[in-house]
Amino acid sequence: MKKLIVNGTIVDGSGRAGYQANVLIEDDRIAKIGDIQPEEGVEVIDAKGLIVAPGFIDTHSHSDLQILENPEIQPKVRQGVTTEVLGQDGISMAPLPVKYISPWRKNLAGLDGDSDNINWEFETTEGYLKMIEDAKPGLNECYLVPHGNIRMEAMGLDNRLPNDEELKAMCDITRREMEAGAVGLSTGLIYMPCAYSESKEIIEMCKVVAEYDGIFVIHQRSEADTILDSMEEVIKIGRESGVKIHYSHFKVCGKKNWDKIDKVIELLEKAKAEGIRVSFDQYPYVAGSTMLGVILPPWVHDGGTDKVVERLADPKLRKKMVYDIEHGIPGWDNFVEFAGLDGIFVTSVKSQKNQDAIGLSLTQLGQLRGKDAYEATFDLLLEEENAVGMVDFYGTEEHVQLFMKRPEMNACTDGLLGGKPHPRVYGAFTRILGKYVREDKALSLEEAIYKMTKKPAETFLIEDRGQIKEGYFADITIFDKDTVIDKGTFVDPIQYPEGIKYVLINGQTVIAEGDHTGTRSGKVLRMKDKAVK
């Protein structure tokens, strides 16, 4: 099978200036780039007036469950994404011992959703990745083994530190899952059970990851009041383990913390000066998205979701929750403090009963229910067994652009796919191209595409992808630089972007003239090289 892309301007992902050339594809690879003429039997894609770029790589994705249920993942591919990195924030699908399936599904539901339509007895990363392959994914999928899943398998969900035997088990599980093809380790130190850990246990697991030159991807303990201490912890992990560090969705939350931004950048520079390999991803919005349960004080989560539900049913404990939210707890990222009850919006619920809550701020939810906003929120979390998604507003456009221009940055969506999602699910990459390149001129087109393609491919050791280059896989996005733009808003987020004309994944045309062809040609991308030390 041969295809020829003609008349386009190639922006190849390397950062160099765009140039005119044709691209010949044979099977799943780019065979030749140059002055190639059409031949009989070769499918021709006319890219006149369009940009021919490598397929975009989303380094922070939450399609972990959706890839099994709706393998096309159209919200991603329609914005030019051809590869995703799953397993984020330390809580994902695998490993998952059978005895923990029920509580873990509840813990995971707020981020990745839940389903009775799949067989949850896959147990390991190998089993999970095989399920993705059997589902015939629409995109290429990489996987980070999640810290929380490892911890659960080794020592359950209790709020305590591991003993020596349990810590060794965690390292052994990490090695097993790296051998299964994981590209690295993730953690989310605001999520349970990851938040129960101290640096030592993470360092020991990261030493294993470093043996494979894998990456450590971290939602750090604080993106707000104690972000400087949090970053120092992450740098220490990199220093003592030798692992590559990658901060998830990098930002500084809350107006009172914006004066810390200069010191945040100083810490990035300090780490690089020490020889610690540091990178981060970013979505191009001033609001974030996660599970609503993060607004609850950390002690509420001790023992897992079933315990959360028990505590939410206790009026006395509700009063303690409100007190802790209003007064704060040292070292805890208090979302209500930096976003406000009127700046946090419900995006998804699992039951029909509370569908009317979707799209409302917590203040509006209280008004709708005719009660205090806290009580209404606690009722919602109780009734939904903590499976509620949210959007929270925390920053400014100036800060988005500041971090976007940093050399450590690559683009991501970090989009939760359920309910009424954050608009980044449908438009993060096209927003960068339309708003931040064409309109605001914060980045050149070549810089932006580099940050969407070659940069993440190198950071995550994704081989033979991320560039328009002979011999590389034919993951290609063709778009109109004059019209490309995201369309979704926080009020109406479920809108596909404009300007993405063609998307090819492993040489197969998945988007043609802006429409999905129904083709699913993605692959599971396992780390090929085993231990390097």
Protein backbone atom coordinates (compact mmCIF):
# COMPACT_ATOMS: atom_id res chain seq x y z
CA MET A 1 0.00 0.00 0.00
CA LYS A 2 1.42 3.36 -1.07
CA LYS A 3 0.21 6.90 -0.46
CA LEU A 4 1.66 10.19 -1.64
CA ILE A 5 1.07 13.51 0.11
CA VAL A 6 1.64 16.31 -2.44
CA ASN A 7 1.81 20.13 -2.53
CA GLY A 8 2.01 20.60 1.24
CA THR A 9 4.39 22.59 3.42
CA ILE A 10 6.26 20.19 5.68
CA VAL A 11 6.92 21.33 9.25
CA ASP A 12 8.81 18.24 10.24
CA GLY A 13 8.83 18.49 14.05
CA SER A 14 12.55 19.22 14.39
CA GLY A 15 12.00 22.95 14.87
CA ARG A 16 13.47 23.94 11.53
CA ALA A 17 11.59 26.12 9.03
CA GLY A 18 8.86 24.59 6.93
CA TYR A 19 9.65 23.55 3.36
CA GLN A 20 7.89 22.32 0.24
CA ALA A 21 8.15 18.61 -0.57
CA ASN A 22 6.05 15.53 -1.20
CA VAL A 23 5.89 12.56 1.18
CA LEU A 24 5.71 8.95 0.00
CA ILE A 25 4.27 6.42 2.43
CA GLU A 26 4.72 2.68 2.02
CA ASP A 27 2.65 0.54 4.38
CA ASP A 28 3.12 2.09 7.86
CA ARG A 29 6.33 4.05 7.25
CA ILE A 30 7.52 7.21 5.52
CA ALA A 31 9.53 5.88 2.57
CA LYS A 32 10.76 9.05 0.89
CA ILE A 33 10.53 12.84 1.12
CA GLY A 34 11.25 15.03 -1.89
CA ASP A 35 10.16 15.76 -5.46
CA ILE A 36 8.18 12.58 -5.92
CA GLN A 37 5.66 12.32 -8.72
CA PRO A 38 2.37 10.41 -8.51
CA GLU A 39 2.32 6.92 -10.02
CA GLU A 40 -0.52 4.65 -11.02
CA GLY A 41 -1.94 2.77 -8.08
CA VAL A 42 -0.65 5.25 -5.51
CA GLU A 43 -3.30 7.07 -3.43
CA VAL A 44 -2.70 10.83 -3.59
CA ILE A 45 -3.56 13.27 -0.79
CA ASP A 46 -3.45 16.87 -2.02
CA ALA A 47 -2.19 19.11 0.79
CA LYS A 48 -2.03 22.31 -1.23
CA GLY A 49 -2.12 25.31 1.11
CA LEU A 50 -1.86 23.02 4.16
CA ILE A 51 0.77 22.14 6.76
CA VAL A 52 2.05 18.56 6.85
CA ALA A 53 3.23 17.81 10.40
CA PRO A 54 3.99 14.73 12.48
CA GLY A 55 1.04 13.37 14.42
CA PHE A 56 0.67 15.09 17.79
CA ILE A 57 1.61 13.23 20.98
CA ASP A 58 -0.55 13.70 24.07
CA THR A 59 1.71 12.96 27.03
CA HIS A 60 -1.07 13.21 29.65
CA SER A 61 -4.19 11.32 28.65
CA HIS A 62 -7.06 9.77 30.60
CA SER A 63 -8.40 7.48 27.85
CA ASP A 64 -7.43 4.42 29.92
CA LEU A 65 -10.96 2.99 30.09
CA GLN A 66 -12.41 4.66 26.99
CA ILE A 67 -9.81 3.02 24.75
CA LEU A 68 -11.48 -0.29 25.61
CA GLU A 69 -15.07 0.92 25.20
CA ASN A 70 -14.79 3.49 22.40
CA PRO A 71 -11.45 2.74 20.76
CA GLU A 72 -11.65 5.49 18.12
CA ILE A 73 -11.11 8.21 20.79
CA GLN A 74 -12.40 10.80 18.32
CA PRO A 75 -11.95 13.81 20.65
CA LYS A 76 -8.20 13.24 20.37
CA VAL A 77 -7.70 12.16 16.78
CA ARG A 78 -9.88 14.99 15.44
CA GLN A 79 -7.41 17.49 16.94
CA GLY A 80 -4.49 15.72 15.30
CA VAL A 81 -3.37 13.48 18.17
CA THR A 82 -1.96 10.13 16.99
CA THR A 83 -0.29 8.86 20.20
CA GLU A 84 -1.35 9.04 23.86
CA VAL A 85 0.40 8.26 27.14
CA LEU A 86 -1.95 6.50 29.57
CA GLY A 87 -1.48 5.53 33.23
CA GLN A 88 -1.32 9.05 34.64
CA ASP A 89 -1.45 10.49 38.18
CA GLY A 90 -0.51 7.25 39.91
CA ILE A 91 -3.99 5.72 39.59
CA SER A 92 -5.00 3.80 36.48
CA MET A 93 -6.07 0.39 35.24
CA ALA A 94 -3.12 -1.91 35.95
CA PRO A 95 -1.78 -3.66 37.89
CA LEU A 96 -5.04 -4.62 39.58
CA PRO A 97 -5.23 -7.73 41.78
CA VAL A 98 -8.65 -9.36 41.60
CA LYS A 99 -9.36 -8.85 45.31
CA TYR A 100 -9.09 -5.06 44.91
CA ILE A 101 -11.26 -4.65 41.80
CA SER A 102 -14.32 -3.30 43.63
CA PRO A 103 -12.66 -0.58 45.75
CA TRP A 104 -10.26 0.36 42.96
CA ARG A 105 -13.04 0.90 40.42
CA LYS A 106 -14.62 3.35 42.85
CA ASN A 107 -11.29 5.12 43.38
CA LEU A 108 -10.67 5.39 39.65
CA ALA A 109 -14.17 6.41 38.61
CA GLY A 110 -13.75 10.14 39.20
CA LEU A 111 -10.80 10.31 36.80
CA ASP A 112 -11.30 7.66 34.14
CA GLY A 113 -14.92 6.59 34.62
CA ASP A 114 -16.30 3.11 35.29
CA SER A 115 -17.85 0.36 33.23
CA ASP A 116 -19.54 -3.01 33.59
CA ASN A 117 -18.85 -3.76 29.91
CA ILE A 118 -15.26 -4.93 30.28
CA ASN A 119 -13.60 -7.84 32.05
CA TRP A 120 -11.70 -6.27 34.95
CA GLU A 121 -9.67 -9.42 35.71
CA PHE A 122 -6.65 -8.46 33.56
CA GLU A 123 -4.48 -8.24 36.73
CA THR A 124 -1.22 -6.87 35.23
CA THR A 125 0.04 -4.30 32.76
CA GLU A 126 0.67 -7.11 30.28
CA GLY A 127 -2.96 -8.21 30.61
CA TYR A 128 -4.26 -4.66 30.24
CA LEU A 129 -2.12 -3.85 27.19
CA LYS A 130 -3.28 -7.09 25.55
CA MET A 131 -6.90 -5.95 26.09
CA ILE A 132 -6.12 -2.66 24.33
CA GLU A 133 -4.60 -4.53 21.39
CA ASP A 134 -7.65 -6.81 21.19
CA ALA A 135 -9.89 -3.72 21.13
CA LYS A 136 -8.05 -2.46 18.01
CA PRO A 137 -7.23 1.04 19.26
CA GLY A 138 -7.74 4.07 17.10
CA LEU A 139 -4.54 5.72 18.34
CA ASN A 140 -1.11 4.56 19.44
CA GLU A 141 -1.05 4.01 23.20
CA CYS A 142 1.84 4.10 25.70
CA TYR A 143 1.48 3.22 29.37
CA LEU A 144 2.99 4.50 32.60
CA VAL A 145 2.78 2.05 35.49
CA PRO A 146 0.94 3.91 38.30
CA HIS A 147 2.42 4.22 41.79
CA GLY A 148 -1.00 3.81 43.46
CA ASN A 149 -1.67 0.52 41.69
CA ILE A 150 1.76 -0.79 42.65
CA ARG A 151 1.26 0.26 46.27
CA MET A 152 -2.17 -1.37 46.37
CA GLU A 153 -0.84 -4.69 45.10
CA ALA A 154 2.07 -4.65 47.54
CA MET A 155 0.39 -3.38 50.73
CA GLY A 156 -3.29 -2.57 50.20
CA LEU A 157 -4.94 0.82 50.53
CA ASP A 158 -4.07 1.72 54.12
CA ASN A 159 -2.62 5.07 55.14
CA ARG A 160 0.80 3.95 56.34
CA LEU A 161 4.38 3.58 55.17
CA PRO A 162 5.64 0.26 53.73
CA ASN A 163 7.89 -2.03 55.71
CA ASP A 164 11.08 -3.29 54.09
CA GLU A 165 9.40 -6.37 52.64
CA GLU A 166 6.56 -4.32 51.15
CA LEU A 167 8.96 -1.78 49.69
CA LYS A 168 10.91 -4.56 48.01
CA ALA A 169 7.62 -5.90 46.64
CA MET A 170 6.83 -2.46 45.20
CA CYS A 171 10.20 -2.39 43.43
CA ASP A 172 9.68 -5.93 42.12
CA ILE A 173 6.24 -5.00 40.76
CA THR A 174 7.69 -1.90 39.13
CA ARG A 175 10.33 -4.05 37.41
CA ARG A 176 7.70 -6.55 36.25
CA GLU A 177 5.59 -3.80 34.71
CA MET A 178 8.58 -2.08 33.09
CA GLU A 179 9.46 -5.46 31.56
CA ALA A 180 5.88 -5.60 30.22
CA GLY A 181 6.59 -2.45 28.24
CA ALA A 182 5.67 0.52 30.43
CA VAL A 183 7.52 3.70 29.44
CA GLY A 184 7.89 4.82 33.05
CA LEU A 185 6.23 5.35 36.42
CA SER A 186 3.55 7.88 37.36
CA THR A 187 2.37 9.23 40.68
CA GLY A 188 -0.23 11.71 41.86
CA LEU A 189 0.67 12.88 45.32
CA ILE A 190 -2.75 14.47 45.93
CA TYR A 191 -4.52 11.17 45.16
CA MET A 192 -4.95 8.16 47.41
CA PRO A 193 -3.08 5.92 48.06
CA CYS A 194 -0.10 7.75 46.48
CA ALA A 195 -0.45 10.62 48.98
CA TYR A 196 0.31 8.25 51.84
CA SER A 197 3.88 7.83 50.65
CA GLU A 198 7.12 9.57 51.55
CA SER A 199 9.99 10.32 49.21
CA LYS A 200 11.96 7.19 50.14
CA GLU A 201 9.50 4.72 48.63
CA ILE A 202 9.24 6.74 45.42
CA ILE A 203 13.03 7.01 45.13
CA GLU A 204 13.42 3.23 45.44
CA MET A 205 10.86 2.59 42.68
CA CYS A 206 12.43 5.29 40.51
CA LYS A 207 15.81 3.56 40.78
CA VAL A 208 14.20 0.62 38.98
CA VAL A 209 12.70 2.91 36.34
CA ALA A 210 16.08 4.57 35.81
CA GLU A 211 17.61 1.19 34.93
CA TYR A 212 15.43 1.27 31.80
CA ASP A 213 16.02 5.00 31.16
CA GLY A 214 12.27 5.31 31.76
CA ILE A 215 10.55 8.45 32.92
CA PHE A 216 8.98 9.46 36.24
CA VAL A 217 5.80 11.50 35.66
CA ILE A 218 4.48 13.31 38.71
CA HIS A 219 1.46 15.28 39.80
CA GLN A 220 3.41 16.86 42.61
CA ARG A 221 2.16 17.25 46.18
CA SER A 222 1.43 20.94 45.72
CA GLU A 223 0.82 23.26 42.81
CA ALA A 224 -0.15 26.04 45.22
CA ASP A 225 0.96 27.16 48.70
CA THR A 226 3.84 24.72 49.14
CA ILE A 227 4.85 24.32 45.49
CA LEU A 228 8.49 25.26 46.19
CA ASP A 229 8.87 22.54 48.82
CA SER A 230 7.06 20.16 46.49
CA MET A 231 9.43 20.88 43.62
CA GLU A 232 12.42 20.39 45.91
CA GLU A 233 11.06 16.94 46.78
CA VAL A 234 10.73 16.05 43.09
CA ILE A 235 14.25 17.26 42.35
CA LYS A 236 15.53 15.18 45.27
CA ILE A 237 13.83 12.12 43.78
CA GLY A 238 15.57 12.78 40.47
CA ARG A 239 18.92 13.40 42.15
CA GLU A 240 18.89 10.28 44.33
CA SER A 241 17.39 7.85 41.83
CA GLY A 242 18.89 9.07 38.56
CA VAL A 243 15.46 8.99 36.90
CA LYS A 244 14.21 11.50 34.33
CA ILE A 245 11.65 13.86 35.91
CA HIS A 246 8.50 15.02 34.13
CA TYR A 247 6.05 17.31 35.94
CA SER A 248 2.42 16.79 34.93
CA HIS A 249 0.28 19.78 33.85
CA PHE A 250 2.76 22.35 35.18
CA LYS A 251 1.25 25.47 36.76
CA VAL A 252 1.02 27.63 39.88
CA CYS A 253 -2.46 27.74 41.41
CA GLY A 254 -4.09 30.62 43.24
CA LYS A 255 -3.55 34.36 43.07
CA LYS A 256 -1.72 34.47 46.40
CA ASN A 257 0.91 32.08 44.98
CA TRP A 258 1.68 33.88 41.75
CA ASP A 259 4.63 35.64 43.39
CA LYS A 260 6.30 32.22 43.60
CA ILE A 261 6.61 31.86 39.81
CA ASP A 262 10.12 33.35 39.57
CA LYS A 263 11.37 30.92 42.23
CA VAL A 264 9.61 28.05 40.46
CA ILE A 265 11.59 28.83 37.31
CA GLU A 266 14.79 29.15 39.36
CA LEU A 267 14.23 25.60 40.63
CA LEU A 268 13.85 24.29 37.07
CA GLU A 269 17.15 25.92 36.19
CA LYS A 270 18.81 24.62 39.35
CA ALA A 271 17.80 21.05 38.55
CA LYS A 272 19.17 21.27 35.02
CA ALA A 273 22.42 22.77 36.31
CA GLU A 274 22.78 19.69 38.53
CA GLY A 275 22.38 17.44 35.51
CA ILE A 276 18.90 16.28 36.46
CA ARG A 277 16.79 15.73 33.35
CA VAL A 278 13.60 17.75 33.79
CA SER A 279 10.59 18.33 31.55
CA PHE A 280 6.90 19.13 31.95
CA ASP A 281 3.67 19.13 30.02
CA GLN A 282 0.98 21.80 29.94
CA TYR A 283 -2.55 22.25 28.66
CA PRO A 284 -3.31 25.75 27.26
CA TYR A 285 -6.10 26.89 29.60
CA VAL A 286 -6.45 28.87 32.83
CA ALA A 287 -8.60 26.16 34.43
CA GLY A 288 -7.86 22.58 35.44
CA SER A 289 -9.92 19.43 35.77
CA THR A 290 -9.87 16.44 38.10
CA MET A 291 -12.16 14.48 40.44
CA LEU A 292 -14.28 16.60 42.79
CA GLY A 293 -13.21 14.47 45.76
CA VAL A 294 -9.86 16.32 45.89
CA ILE A 295 -11.61 19.21 47.67
CA LEU A 296 -12.01 16.94 50.73
CA PRO A 297 -9.25 17.02 53.38
CA PRO A 298 -6.73 14.16 53.04
CA TRP A 299 -7.92 12.30 56.15
CA VAL A 300 -11.33 11.78 54.54
CA HIS A 301 -9.72 9.45 51.98
CA ASP A 302 -7.98 7.13 54.43
CA GLY A 303 -8.86 3.52 53.57
CA GLY A 304 -10.30 4.20 50.11
CA THR A 305 -13.60 5.23 48.57
CA ASP A 306 -15.82 3.10 50.81
CA LYS A 307 -14.43 4.96 53.83
CA VAL A 308 -14.94 8.31 52.06
CA VAL A 309 -18.62 7.45 51.63
CA GLU A 310 -18.94 6.45 55.30
CA ARG A 311 -17.41 9.71 56.48
CA LEU A 312 -19.54 11.83 54.14
CA ALA A 313 -22.61 10.27 55.79
CA ASP A 314 -21.50 11.45 59.26
CA PRO A 315 -22.79 14.98 60.14
CA LYS A 316 -20.06 15.52 62.76
CA LEU A 317 -17.32 14.63 60.29
CA ARG A 318 -18.88 16.94 57.70
CA LYS A 319 -18.41 19.82 60.14
CA LYS A 320 -14.75 18.86 60.53
CA MET A 321 -14.38 18.76 56.74
CA VAL A 322 -15.78 22.28 56.41
CA TYR A 323 -13.51 23.53 59.19
CA ASP A 324 -10.41 22.04 57.54
CA ILE A 325 -11.38 23.44 54.13
CA GLU A 326 -12.02 26.88 55.58
CA HIS A 327 -8.86 26.95 57.74
CA GLY A 328 -6.52 24.81 55.67
CA ILE A 329 -4.09 22.01 56.52
CA PRO A 330 -0.32 22.58 56.12
CA GLY A 331 1.01 20.95 52.95
CA TRP A 332 -2.45 20.24 51.49
CA ASP A 333 -3.52 21.78 48.18
CA ASN A 334 -6.89 23.30 49.11
CA PHE A 335 -8.81 23.66 45.86
CA VAL A 336 -11.63 25.65 47.48
CA GLU A 337 -9.13 28.17 48.78
CA PHE A 338 -7.48 28.91 45.44
CA ALA A 339 -10.49 28.49 43.12
CA GLY A 340 -13.48 29.29 45.40
CA LEU A 341 -16.82 27.51 45.57
CA ASP A 342 -17.94 29.68 42.66
CA GLY A 343 -14.85 28.72 40.61
CA ILE A 344 -15.32 24.93 40.83
CA PHE A 345 -17.83 23.37 38.41
CA VAL A 346 -19.29 19.85 38.26
CA THR A 347 -18.47 18.14 34.95
CA SER A 348 -19.60 14.54 35.38
CA VAL A 349 -21.63 12.19 37.60
CA LYS A 350 -22.36 8.49 37.18
CA SER A 351 -26.08 8.39 38.10
CA GLN A 352 -29.16 9.80 36.39
CA LYS A 353 -30.35 11.32 39.65
CA ASN A 354 -27.76 14.10 39.66
CA GLN A 355 -27.49 14.94 35.97
CA ASP A 356 -28.88 18.39 36.78
CA ALA A 357 -25.68 19.16 38.69
CA ILE A 358 -23.50 18.99 35.59
CA GLY A 359 -22.28 22.42 34.53
CA LEU A 360 -23.06 24.08 37.88
CA SER A 361 -20.57 25.70 40.22
CA LEU A 362 -20.63 24.44 43.80
CA THR A 363 -22.30 27.72 44.78
CA GLN A 364 -24.98 27.18 42.13
CA LEU A 365 -25.38 23.57 43.23
CA GLY A 366 -26.19 24.77 46.75
CA GLN A 367 -28.75 27.22 45.35
CA LEU A 368 -30.35 24.50 43.21
CA ARG A 369 -30.62 22.13 46.17
CA GLY A 370 -31.76 24.89 48.54
CA LYS A 371 -28.97 24.28 51.05
CA ASP A 372 -25.45 25.33 52.02
CA ALA A 373 -22.97 24.82 49.16
CA TYR A 374 -20.79 22.52 51.27
CA GLU A 375 -23.73 20.35 52.28
CA ALA A 376 -24.95 20.14 48.69
CA THR A 377 -21.45 19.17 47.55
CA PHE A 378 -21.07 16.52 50.25
CA ASP A 379 -24.49 15.12 49.36
CA LEU A 380 -23.45 14.90 45.70
CA LEU A 381 -20.20 13.10 46.50
CA LEU A 382 -22.04 10.74 48.86
CA GLU A 383 -24.78 9.87 46.39
CA GLU A 384 -22.29 9.39 43.55
CA GLU A 385 -19.83 7.42 45.71
CA ASN A 386 -17.16 10.03 44.92
CA ALA A 387 -17.42 9.49 41.14
CA VAL A 388 -17.77 13.18 40.26
CA GLY A 389 -15.60 15.22 37.89
CA MET A 390 -14.87 18.94 38.15
CA VAL A 391 -13.29 21.98 36.50
CA ASP A 392 -11.49 24.59 38.62
CA PHE A 393 -10.24 28.06 37.63
CA TYR A 394 -6.81 28.96 39.02
CA GLY A 395 -4.54 31.05 36.72
CA THR A 396 -3.97 33.74 34.07
CA GLU A 397 -3.22 33.81 30.33
CA GLU A 398 0.10 35.53 31.08
CA HIS A 399 1.21 32.54 33.15
CA VAL A 400 0.02 30.04 30.54
CA GLN A 401 2.22 31.74 27.94
CA LEU A 402 5.17 32.05 30.32
CA PHE A 403 5.31 28.30 30.93
CA MET A 404 4.44 27.48 27.31
CA LYS A 405 7.61 29.21 26.13
CA ARG A 406 9.86 27.29 28.53
CA PRO A 407 12.23 24.77 26.89
CA GLU A 408 10.99 22.02 29.23
CA MET A 409 7.41 22.28 27.96
CA ASN A 410 5.47 19.96 25.69
CA ALA A 411 1.72 20.01 25.03
CA CYS A 412 -0.93 17.72 26.52
CA THR A 413 -4.69 17.53 27.05
CA ASP A 414 -5.05 15.97 30.53
CA GLY A 415 -8.68 15.59 29.54
CA LEU A 416 -11.26 13.56 31.47
CA LEU A 417 -13.61 12.09 28.87
CA GLY A 418 -16.88 11.73 30.77
CA GLY A 419 -19.92 14.00 31.24
CA LYS A 420 -19.49 17.68 30.36
CA PRO A 421 -15.70 17.71 30.17
CA HIS A 422 -13.03 20.39 30.22
CA PRO A 423 -12.75 21.77 26.65
CA ARG A 424 -9.11 20.66 26.52
CA VAL A 425 -10.37 17.12 25.77
CA TYR A 426 -11.50 18.33 22.34
CA GLY A 427 -9.17 21.21 21.59
CA ALA A 428 -5.87 21.58 23.50
CA PHE A 429 -3.60 21.08 20.48
CA THR A 430 -5.67 23.10 18.05
CA ARG A 431 -5.96 25.89 20.62
CA ILE A 432 -2.17 26.18 20.71
CA LEU A 433 -2.01 26.36 16.92
CA GLY A 434 -4.90 28.81 16.56
CA LYS A 435 -4.69 31.04 19.61
CA TYR A 436 -1.09 30.91 20.78
CA VAL A 437 0.61 30.62 17.37
CA ARG A 438 -1.62 32.45 14.89
CA GLU A 439 -3.40 34.99 17.08
CA ASP A 440 -1.11 35.72 20.05
CA LYS A 441 2.19 34.83 18.35
CA ALA A 442 3.49 33.41 21.65
CA LEU A 443 5.18 30.61 19.68
CA SER A 444 6.21 30.19 16.06
CA LEU A 445 4.50 27.41 14.13
CA GLU A 446 7.73 25.42 14.07
CA GLU A 447 8.22 25.78 17.84
CA ALA A 448 4.66 24.71 18.58
CA ILE A 449 4.84 21.63 16.38
CA TYR A 450 8.19 20.67 17.93
CA LYS A 451 6.54 20.85 21.38
CA MET A 452 3.71 18.60 20.13
CA THR A 453 5.81 16.00 18.32
CA LYS A 454 9.59 15.54 18.50
CA LYS A 455 9.94 16.95 22.03
CA PRO A 456 7.47 14.51 23.66
CA ALA A 457 8.72 11.59 21.54
CA GLU A 458 12.25 12.14 22.82
CA THR A 459 11.12 12.74 26.38
CA PHE A 460 9.12 9.50 26.54
CA LEU A 461 11.49 7.40 24.36
CA ILE A 462 8.83 6.88 21.69
CA GLU A 463 10.88 5.42 18.86
CA ASP A 464 10.60 6.40 15.18
CA ARG A 465 7.75 8.84 15.75
CA GLY A 466 7.46 12.58 16.26
CA GLN A 467 9.06 13.71 12.98
CA ILE A 468 8.38 13.72 9.26
CA LYS A 469 11.48 11.72 8.48
CA GLU A 470 12.33 8.88 6.14
CA GLY A 471 12.04 5.54 7.92
CA TYR A 472 9.74 6.89 10.64
CA PHE A 473 6.21 5.64 11.16
CA ALA A 474 3.64 7.50 9.09
CA ASP A 475 1.81 9.29 11.90
CA ILE A 476 0.90 12.53 10.15
CA THR A 477 -1.45 15.45 10.80
CA ILE A 478 -2.35 17.79 7.94
CA PHE A 479 -4.03 21.07 8.83
CA ASP A 480 -4.88 24.58 7.66
CA LYS A 481 -2.75 27.00 9.68
CA ASP A 482 -5.08 29.89 8.78
CA THR A 483 -8.25 28.30 10.16
CA VAL A 484 -7.19 25.74 12.78
CA ILE A 485 -8.77 26.54 16.15
CA ASP A 486 -10.49 24.90 19.09
CA LYS A 487 -14.27 25.41 19.30
CA GLY A 488 -15.22 24.05 22.72
CA THR A 489 -15.96 26.37 25.63
CA PHE A 490 -16.47 25.72 29.33
CA VAL A 491 -20.22 26.14 28.75
CA ASP A 492 -20.31 23.98 25.61
CA PRO A 493 -17.09 21.90 25.55
CA ILE A 494 -18.14 18.99 23.33
CA GLN A 495 -17.22 20.51 19.99
CA TYR A 496 -14.66 19.23 17.51
CA PRO A 497 -12.08 21.78 16.35
CA GLU A 498 -11.72 23.32 12.91
CA GLY A 499 -8.86 23.09 10.47
CA ILE A 500 -7.67 19.47 10.90
CA LYS A 501 -8.02 18.06 7.39
CA TYR A 502 -6.22 14.70 7.42
CA VAL A 503 -4.77 12.44 10.10
CA LEU A 504 -2.80 9.32 9.29
CA ILE A 505 -1.87 6.74 11.94
CA ASN A 506 0.64 4.07 10.97
CA GLY A 507 0.03 4.94 7.33
CA GLN A 508 -3.75 4.56 7.48
CA THR A 509 -6.04 7.52 6.85
CA VAL A 510 -8.15 8.05 9.98
CA ILE A 511 -9.36 11.61 9.23
CA ALA A 512 -10.04 12.52 5.58
CA GLU A 513 -11.23 15.98 4.59
CA GLY A 514 -12.16 16.59 8.23
CA ASP A 515 -14.28 13.44 8.71
CA HIS A 516 -13.49 10.24 10.58
CA THR A 517 -13.12 7.27 8.23
CA GLY A 518 -13.85 4.61 10.85
CA THR A 519 -10.33 3.26 10.54
CA ARG A 520 -8.61 2.09 13.74
CA SER A 521 -4.91 1.64 13.04
CA GLY A 522 -3.27 2.42 16.38
CA LYS A 523 -0.74 0.23 18.16
CA VAL A 524 0.34 -0.41 21.73
CA LEU A 525 3.83 1.06 21.99
CA ARG A 526 5.91 -0.91 24.47
CA MET A 527 9.34 0.24 25.54
CA LYS A 528 11.62 -1.93 23.41
CA ASP A 529 14.94 -1.64 25.18
CA LYS A 530 15.22 -3.51 28.44
CA ALA A 531 17.61 -2.68 31.27
CA VAL A 532 20.32 -0.26 30.16
CA LYS A 533 22.45 -0.35 33.33
